[in-house]
Amino acid sequence: MADESRKQLWPDEDEWLDTFREYLCGRPELAEHVARIWFALLEHHSEGPEGVRNARFILNQALRLTYPFTRSYRLAYRHYLLSLTGQVKPEDEPEHLLKASIKRARASIAEARQRHKEPAGSGD
């Protein structure tokens, strides 16, 4: 059963290999550095609940630090700069757009969780 559930994990082995081939091929020093990060995370996980919390903190930190390198960040920053000019319509201000988007996403997540909790056939 465990092997079957692992087949549905993402990223899967193919996704990892595609990523590694694209970014680590021909860069053995970087591959070594990344391997040390993975190893450190595994070590934290083996240290019980406190280690799992530490690994989670490290991964959240990595996610936060990755954001400035994304297209979303660049677009959000450009939009923010435009809003500073005063030329952006009030309904297009970043805070307004983001709050509305977050509200819709949270509602969608809550709805999906509710559907997941409902027993089969109760939605009829």
Protein backbone atom coordinates (compact mmCIF):
# COMPACT_ATOMS: atom_id res chain seq x y z
CA MET A 1 0.00 0.00 0.00
CA ALA A 2 2.81 2.43 0.86
CA ASP A 3 4.46 1.84 -2.51
CA GLU A 4 1.15 2.58 -4.25
CA SER A 5 0.68 5.88 -2.40
CA ARG A 6 4.27 6.89 -3.18
CA LYS A 7 3.54 6.55 -6.88
CA GLN A 8 1.25 9.57 -6.55
CA LEU A 9 3.79 11.82 -4.83
CA TRP A 10 4.92 14.97 -6.58
CA PRO A 11 7.52 15.81 -7.50
CA ASP A 12 8.07 12.33 -8.77
CA GLU A 13 11.36 10.85 -9.93
CA ASP A 14 10.86 11.97 -13.53
CA GLU A 15 10.20 15.56 -12.44
CA TRP A 16 13.32 15.55 -10.27
CA LEU A 17 15.44 14.11 -13.07
CA ASP A 18 14.15 16.65 -15.59
CA THR A 19 14.98 19.47 -13.19
CA PHE A 20 18.39 18.08 -12.27
CA ARG A 21 19.35 17.47 -15.89
CA GLU A 22 18.42 21.03 -16.79
CA TYR A 23 20.15 22.78 -13.90
CA LEU A 24 22.84 20.43 -12.60
CA CYS A 25 24.19 18.75 -15.73
CA GLY A 26 27.79 19.88 -16.19
CA ARG A 27 27.77 21.62 -12.81
CA PRO A 28 29.13 19.02 -10.35
CA GLU A 29 29.89 21.62 -7.66
CA LEU A 30 26.30 22.78 -7.64
CA ALA A 31 25.07 19.18 -7.65
CA GLU A 32 27.27 18.48 -4.62
CA HIS A 33 25.90 21.56 -2.83
CA VAL A 34 22.29 20.56 -3.54
CA ALA A 35 22.98 17.00 -2.36
CA ARG A 36 24.30 18.39 0.94
CA ILE A 37 21.09 20.39 1.38
CA TRP A 38 18.95 17.30 0.77
CA PHE A 39 21.11 15.32 3.19
CA ALA A 40 20.78 18.00 5.89
CA LEU A 41 16.99 17.98 5.48
CA LEU A 42 16.93 14.19 5.81
CA GLU A 43 19.07 14.43 8.92
CA HIS A 44 16.66 16.93 10.45
CA HIS A 45 13.73 14.61 9.72
CA SER A 46 15.44 11.76 11.55
CA GLU A 47 15.73 13.91 14.70
CA GLY A 48 12.08 13.56 15.68
CA PRO A 49 9.43 16.28 15.96
CA GLU A 50 11.89 19.11 16.62
CA GLY A 51 13.95 18.05 13.60
CA VAL A 52 10.82 17.94 11.43
CA ARG A 53 9.94 21.46 12.59
CA ASN A 54 13.47 22.58 11.74
CA ALA A 55 13.27 21.00 8.28
CA ARG A 56 9.91 22.69 7.72
CA PHE A 57 11.40 26.05 8.78
CA ILE A 58 14.32 25.54 6.37
CA LEU A 59 11.99 24.67 3.47
CA ASN A 60 9.73 27.66 4.20
CA GLN A 61 12.80 29.87 4.30
CA ALA A 62 13.96 28.47 0.95
CA LEU A 63 10.55 29.10 -0.56
CA ARG A 64 10.51 32.70 0.71
CA LEU A 65 14.03 33.33 -0.59
CA THR A 66 13.19 31.78 -3.97
CA TYR A 67 10.27 34.15 -4.59
CA PRO A 68 12.34 37.15 -5.78
CA PHE A 69 13.70 34.99 -8.62
CA THR A 70 10.23 34.19 -10.03
CA ARG A 71 8.22 35.77 -12.83
CA SER A 72 5.39 36.35 -10.33
CA TYR A 73 7.68 38.49 -8.23
CA ARG A 74 8.86 40.51 -11.20
CA LEU A 75 5.29 41.11 -12.36
CA ALA A 76 4.11 41.99 -8.86
CA TYR A 77 6.98 44.42 -8.42
CA ARG A 78 6.32 46.11 -11.78
CA HIS A 79 2.64 46.38 -10.86
CA TYR A 80 3.57 47.84 -7.48
CA LEU A 81 5.83 50.42 -9.12
CA LEU A 82 3.01 51.39 -11.48
CA SER A 83 0.67 51.81 -8.52
CA LEU A 84 3.16 54.23 -6.95
CA THR A 85 2.74 56.54 -9.96
CA GLY A 86 -0.91 57.02 -9.04
CA GLN A 87 -1.97 55.99 -12.55
CA VAL A 88 -3.44 52.61 -11.55
CA LYS A 89 -7.24 52.45 -11.19
CA PRO A 90 -8.37 51.89 -7.59
CA GLU A 91 -9.84 48.49 -8.44
CA ASP A 92 -6.46 47.50 -9.96
CA GLU A 93 -4.36 48.50 -6.96
CA PRO A 94 -2.15 45.58 -5.84
CA GLU A 95 -3.69 45.33 -2.36
CA HIS A 96 -7.22 45.20 -3.75
CA LEU A 97 -6.37 42.60 -6.39
CA LEU A 98 -4.37 40.41 -4.04
CA LYS A 99 -6.91 40.46 -1.21
CA ALA A 100 -9.67 39.46 -3.62
CA SER A 101 -7.54 36.69 -5.12
CA ILE A 102 -6.55 35.35 -1.68
CA LYS A 103 -10.20 35.38 -0.57
CA ARG A 104 -11.26 33.39 -3.66
CA ALA A 105 -8.40 30.91 -3.23
CA ARG A 106 -9.18 30.35 0.47
CA ALA A 107 -12.85 29.81 -0.32
CA SER A 108 -11.91 27.30 -3.01
CA ILE A 109 -9.59 25.46 -0.62
CA ALA A 110 -12.24 25.37 2.10
CA GLU A 111 -14.78 24.04 -0.39
CA ALA A 112 -12.39 21.33 -1.57
CA ARG A 113 -11.63 20.32 2.01
CA GLN A 114 -15.34 20.15 2.79
CA ARG A 115 -15.96 17.94 -0.26
CA HIS A 116 -13.08 15.71 0.83
CA LYS A 117 -14.62 15.29 4.32
CA GLU A 118 -18.12 14.48 3.06
CA PRO A 119 -18.96 10.77 2.99
CA ALA A 120 -19.55 9.27 -0.44
CA GLY A 121 -23.10 9.86 -1.65
CA SER A 122 -23.89 12.69 0.79
CA GLY A 123 -23.73 15.32 -1.96
CA ASP A 124 -26.89 14.00 -3.65
